[in-house]
Amino acid sequence: MLQLDERLDADPTAEDVKLMAETRIRNLQAFNELQSFNDTGFFKYDHPLIRHKTERAELEKLLRTDTEEFLRKHRRTLDSIRRYEAYLKRKDRKDKRDRDRALLEKHRNTSIIIKSILNSRDEKGNQ
């Protein structure tokens, strides 16, 4: 970016401006990935370098190939969130609290990914 910035200061071209914008977008995506990991312990997997190696990619493929199964998975994820939230309130499961918290967090993250996929699909459809 520094070399590109120098070229833009000296003699900018349309291609340089386009390249700078694309580089800036990738830079922001990388920052968002790191911020998400820092905040939640999980990556969002939006950056192009890691996008196709994730649960998100599998869910997007499932949405394209089998919408009903995708929706069933979404429903099961929401049900699991409710179940583990209830488990954490039960006194007879004190010995399983750590496991329940971890599974609740896992299902919450899956839910976030599913909602993100649906939102991005909605945005693409509205353009």
C-alpha atoms as a PDB file:
ATOM      1  CA  MET A   1       0.000   0.000   0.000  1.00  0.00           C
ATOM      2  CA  LEU A   2       2.886   2.358   0.675  1.00  0.00           C
ATOM      3  CA  GLN A   3       4.240   1.993  -2.853  1.00  0.00           C
ATOM      4  CA  LEU A   4       0.774   2.446  -4.266  1.00  0.00           C
ATOM      5  CA  ASP A   5       0.254   5.504  -2.068  1.00  0.00           C
ATOM      6  CA  GLU A   6       3.455   7.028  -3.435  1.00  0.00           C
ATOM      7  CA  ARG A   7       2.267   6.438  -7.019  1.00  0.00           C
ATOM      8  CA  LEU A   8      -1.074   8.033  -6.207  1.00  0.00           C
ATOM      9  CA  ASP A   9       0.682  11.098  -4.804  1.00  0.00           C
ATOM     10  CA  ALA A  10       2.955  11.429  -7.824  1.00  0.00           C
ATOM     11  CA  ASP A  11       0.890  10.511 -10.887  1.00  0.00           C
ATOM     12  CA  PRO A  12      -2.425   8.756 -10.135  1.00  0.00           C
ATOM     13  CA  THR A  13      -4.121   6.614 -12.742  1.00  0.00           C
ATOM     14  CA  ALA A  14      -7.570   5.090 -12.704  1.00  0.00           C
ATOM     15  CA  GLU A  15      -6.017   1.639 -12.310  1.00  0.00           C
ATOM     16  CA  ASP A  16      -3.984   2.807  -9.295  1.00  0.00           C
ATOM     17  CA  VAL A  17      -7.086   4.261  -7.643  1.00  0.00           C
ATOM     18  CA  LYS A  18      -8.983   1.022  -8.259  1.00  0.00           C
ATOM     19  CA  LEU A  19      -6.120  -1.055  -6.879  1.00  0.00           C
ATOM     20  CA  MET A  20      -5.892   1.164  -3.802  1.00  0.00           C
ATOM     21  CA  ALA A  21      -9.627   0.786  -3.137  1.00  0.00           C
ATOM     22  CA  GLU A  22      -9.443  -3.005  -3.487  1.00  0.00           C
ATOM     23  CA  THR A  23      -6.399  -3.156  -1.230  1.00  0.00           C
ATOM     24  CA  ARG A  24      -8.132  -0.992   1.353  1.00  0.00           C
ATOM     25  CA  ILE A  25     -11.204  -3.265   1.292  1.00  0.00           C
ATOM     26  CA  ARG A  26      -9.043  -6.370   1.829  1.00  0.00           C
ATOM     27  CA  ASN A  27      -7.190  -4.565   4.607  1.00  0.00           C
ATOM     28  CA  LEU A  28     -10.470  -3.697   6.350  1.00  0.00           C
ATOM     29  CA  GLN A  29     -11.688  -7.289   5.948  1.00  0.00           C
ATOM     30  CA  ALA A  30      -8.485  -8.561   7.542  1.00  0.00           C
ATOM     31  CA  PHE A  31      -8.886  -6.095  10.397  1.00  0.00           C
ATOM     32  CA  ASN A  32     -12.510  -7.182  10.901  1.00  0.00           C
ATOM     33  CA  GLU A  33     -11.418 -10.830  10.978  1.00  0.00           C
ATOM     34  CA  LEU A  34      -8.832 -10.072  13.646  1.00  0.00           C
ATOM     35  CA  GLN A  35     -11.278  -7.917  15.607  1.00  0.00           C
ATOM     36  CA  SER A  36     -13.861 -10.695  15.541  1.00  0.00           C
ATOM     37  CA  PHE A  37     -11.287 -13.220  16.696  1.00  0.00           C
ATOM     38  CA  ASN A  38     -10.151 -10.860  19.449  1.00  0.00           C
ATOM     39  CA  ASP A  39     -13.720 -10.215  20.638  1.00  0.00           C
ATOM     40  CA  THR A  40     -15.262 -13.665  20.284  1.00  0.00           C
ATOM     41  CA  GLY A  41     -12.435 -16.139  19.712  1.00  0.00           C
ATOM     42  CA  PHE A  42     -13.803 -16.964  16.259  1.00  0.00           C
ATOM     43  CA  PHE A  43     -13.108 -15.674  12.780  1.00  0.00           C
ATOM     44  CA  LYS A  44     -15.930 -14.397  10.564  1.00  0.00           C
ATOM     45  CA  TYR A  45     -14.323 -15.961   7.475  1.00  0.00           C
ATOM     46  CA  ASP A  46     -15.274 -13.044   5.223  1.00  0.00           C
ATOM     47  CA  HIS A  47     -11.739 -12.378   3.950  1.00  0.00           C
ATOM     48  CA  PRO A  48     -11.097 -13.970   0.532  1.00  0.00           C
ATOM     49  CA  LEU A  49      -7.974 -15.791   1.727  1.00  0.00           C
ATOM     50  CA  ILE A  50      -9.860 -17.840   4.312  1.00  0.00           C
ATOM     51  CA  ARG A  51     -13.457 -17.687   3.078  1.00  0.00           C
ATOM     52  CA  HIS A  52     -13.555 -21.136   1.447  1.00  0.00           C
ATOM     53  CA  LYS A  53     -12.062 -23.078   4.334  1.00  0.00           C
ATOM     54  CA  THR A  54     -14.861 -22.642   6.803  1.00  0.00           C
ATOM     55  CA  GLU A  55     -18.161 -23.580   8.245  1.00  0.00           C
ATOM     56  CA  ARG A  56     -19.491 -20.519   6.428  1.00  0.00           C
ATOM     57  CA  ALA A  57     -18.482 -21.969   3.053  1.00  0.00           C
ATOM     58  CA  GLU A  58     -20.161 -25.264   3.921  1.00  0.00           C
ATOM     59  CA  LEU A  59     -23.346 -23.478   4.971  1.00  0.00           C
ATOM     60  CA  GLU A  60     -23.358 -21.333   1.812  1.00  0.00           C
ATOM     61  CA  LYS A  61     -22.967 -24.470  -0.281  1.00  0.00           C
ATOM     62  CA  LEU A  62     -25.796 -26.125   1.642  1.00  0.00           C
ATOM     63  CA  LEU A  63     -28.014 -23.087   1.016  1.00  0.00           C
ATOM     64  CA  ARG A  64     -27.299 -23.287  -2.729  1.00  0.00           C
ATOM     65  CA  THR A  65     -27.774 -27.042  -3.002  1.00  0.00           C
ATOM     66  CA  ASP A  66     -30.426 -27.898  -0.391  1.00  0.00           C
ATOM     67  CA  THR A  67     -32.344 -24.923   0.978  1.00  0.00           C
ATOM     68  CA  GLU A  68     -34.645 -27.060   3.104  1.00  0.00           C
ATOM     69  CA  GLU A  69     -31.723 -28.710   4.876  1.00  0.00           C
ATOM     70  CA  PHE A  70     -30.131 -25.287   5.415  1.00  0.00           C
ATOM     71  CA  LEU A  71     -33.334 -24.065   7.056  1.00  0.00           C
ATOM     72  CA  ARG A  72     -33.549 -27.233   9.172  1.00  0.00           C
ATOM     73  CA  LYS A  73     -29.988 -26.645  10.322  1.00  0.00           C
ATOM     74  CA  HIS A  74     -30.891 -23.054  11.182  1.00  0.00           C
ATOM     75  CA  ARG A  75     -33.906 -24.237  13.189  1.00  0.00           C
ATOM     76  CA  ARG A  76     -31.813 -26.887  14.999  1.00  0.00           C
ATOM     77  CA  THR A  77     -29.186 -24.262  15.822  1.00  0.00           C
ATOM     78  CA  LEU A  78     -31.791 -21.935  17.333  1.00  0.00           C
ATOM     79  CA  ASP A  79     -33.279 -24.849  19.290  1.00  0.00           C
ATOM     80  CA  SER A  80     -29.823 -25.769  20.598  1.00  0.00           C
ATOM     81  CA  ILE A  81     -29.230 -22.200  21.753  1.00  0.00           C
ATOM     82  CA  ARG A  82     -32.481 -22.257  23.713  1.00  0.00           C
ATOM     83  CA  ARG A  83     -31.699 -25.692  25.146  1.00  0.00           C
ATOM     84  CA  TYR A  84     -28.202 -24.780  26.364  1.00  0.00           C
ATOM     85  CA  GLU A  85     -29.401 -21.468  27.780  1.00  0.00           C
ATOM     86  CA  ALA A  86     -31.943 -23.470  29.808  1.00  0.00           C
ATOM     87  CA  TYR A  87     -29.277 -26.004  30.833  1.00  0.00           C
ATOM     88  CA  LEU A  88     -27.136 -23.223  32.285  1.00  0.00           C
ATOM     89  CA  LYS A  89     -30.001 -22.239  34.593  1.00  0.00           C
ATOM     90  CA  ARG A  90     -30.573 -25.762  35.926  1.00  0.00           C
ATOM     91  CA  LYS A  91     -29.049 -26.618  39.290  1.00  0.00           C
ATOM     92  CA  ASP A  92     -28.731 -30.327  38.513  1.00  0.00           C
ATOM     93  CA  ARG A  93     -26.273 -29.614  35.660  1.00  0.00           C
ATOM     94  CA  LYS A  94     -23.651 -27.684  37.640  1.00  0.00           C
ATOM     95  CA  ASP A  95     -21.045 -30.322  36.867  1.00  0.00           C
ATOM     96  CA  LYS A  96     -21.644 -29.820  33.121  1.00  0.00           C
ATOM     97  CA  ARG A  97     -21.639 -26.003  33.065  1.00  0.00           C
ATOM     98  CA  ASP A  98     -18.320 -25.592  31.243  1.00  0.00           C
ATOM     99  CA  ARG A  99     -19.367 -27.992  28.496  1.00  0.00           C
ATOM    100  CA  ASP A 100     -22.800 -26.360  28.219  1.00  0.00           C
ATOM    101  CA  ARG A 101     -21.251 -22.883  27.943  1.00  0.00           C
ATOM    102  CA  ALA A 102     -18.867 -24.054  25.233  1.00  0.00           C
ATOM    103  CA  LEU A 103     -21.667 -25.678  23.237  1.00  0.00           C
ATOM    104  CA  LEU A 104     -23.894 -22.619  23.683  1.00  0.00           C
ATOM    105  CA  GLU A 105     -21.107 -20.419  22.316  1.00  0.00           C
ATOM    106  CA  LYS A 106     -20.578 -22.797  19.384  1.00  0.00           C
ATOM    107  CA  HIS A 107     -24.266 -22.699  18.450  1.00  0.00           C
ATOM    108  CA  ARG A 108     -24.416 -18.925  18.878  1.00  0.00           C
ATOM    109  CA  ASN A 109     -21.497 -18.545  16.486  1.00  0.00           C
ATOM    110  CA  THR A 110     -23.173 -20.846  13.969  1.00  0.00           C
ATOM    111  CA  SER A 111     -26.321 -18.743  14.267  1.00  0.00           C
ATOM    112  CA  ILE A 112     -24.324 -15.569  13.614  1.00  0.00           C
ATOM    113  CA  ILE A 113     -22.816 -17.142  10.492  1.00  0.00           C
ATOM    114  CA  ILE A 114     -26.246 -18.264   9.234  1.00  0.00           C
ATOM    115  CA  LYS A 115     -27.721 -14.804   9.783  1.00  0.00           C
ATOM    116  CA  SER A 116     -24.745 -13.244   8.025  1.00  0.00           C
ATOM    117  CA  ILE A 117     -25.229 -15.550   5.031  1.00  0.00           C
ATOM    118  CA  LEU A 118     -28.918 -14.723   4.849  1.00  0.00           C
ATOM    119  CA  ASN A 119     -28.227 -10.985   5.173  1.00  0.00           C
ATOM    120  CA  SER A 120     -25.569 -11.040   2.460  1.00  0.00           C
ATOM    121  CA  ARG A 121     -27.891 -13.037   0.203  1.00  0.00           C
ATOM    122  CA  ASP A 122     -30.660 -10.496   0.855  1.00  0.00           C
ATOM    123  CA  GLU A 123     -28.297  -7.606   0.051  1.00  0.00           C
ATOM    124  CA  LYS A 124     -27.247  -9.273  -3.201  1.00  0.00           C
ATOM    125  CA  GLY A 125     -30.885  -9.806  -4.117  1.00  0.00           C
ATOM    126  CA  ASN A 126     -31.736  -6.151  -3.506  1.00  0.00           C
ATOM    127  CA  GLN A 127     -28.943  -4.789  -5.690  1.00  0.00           C
END
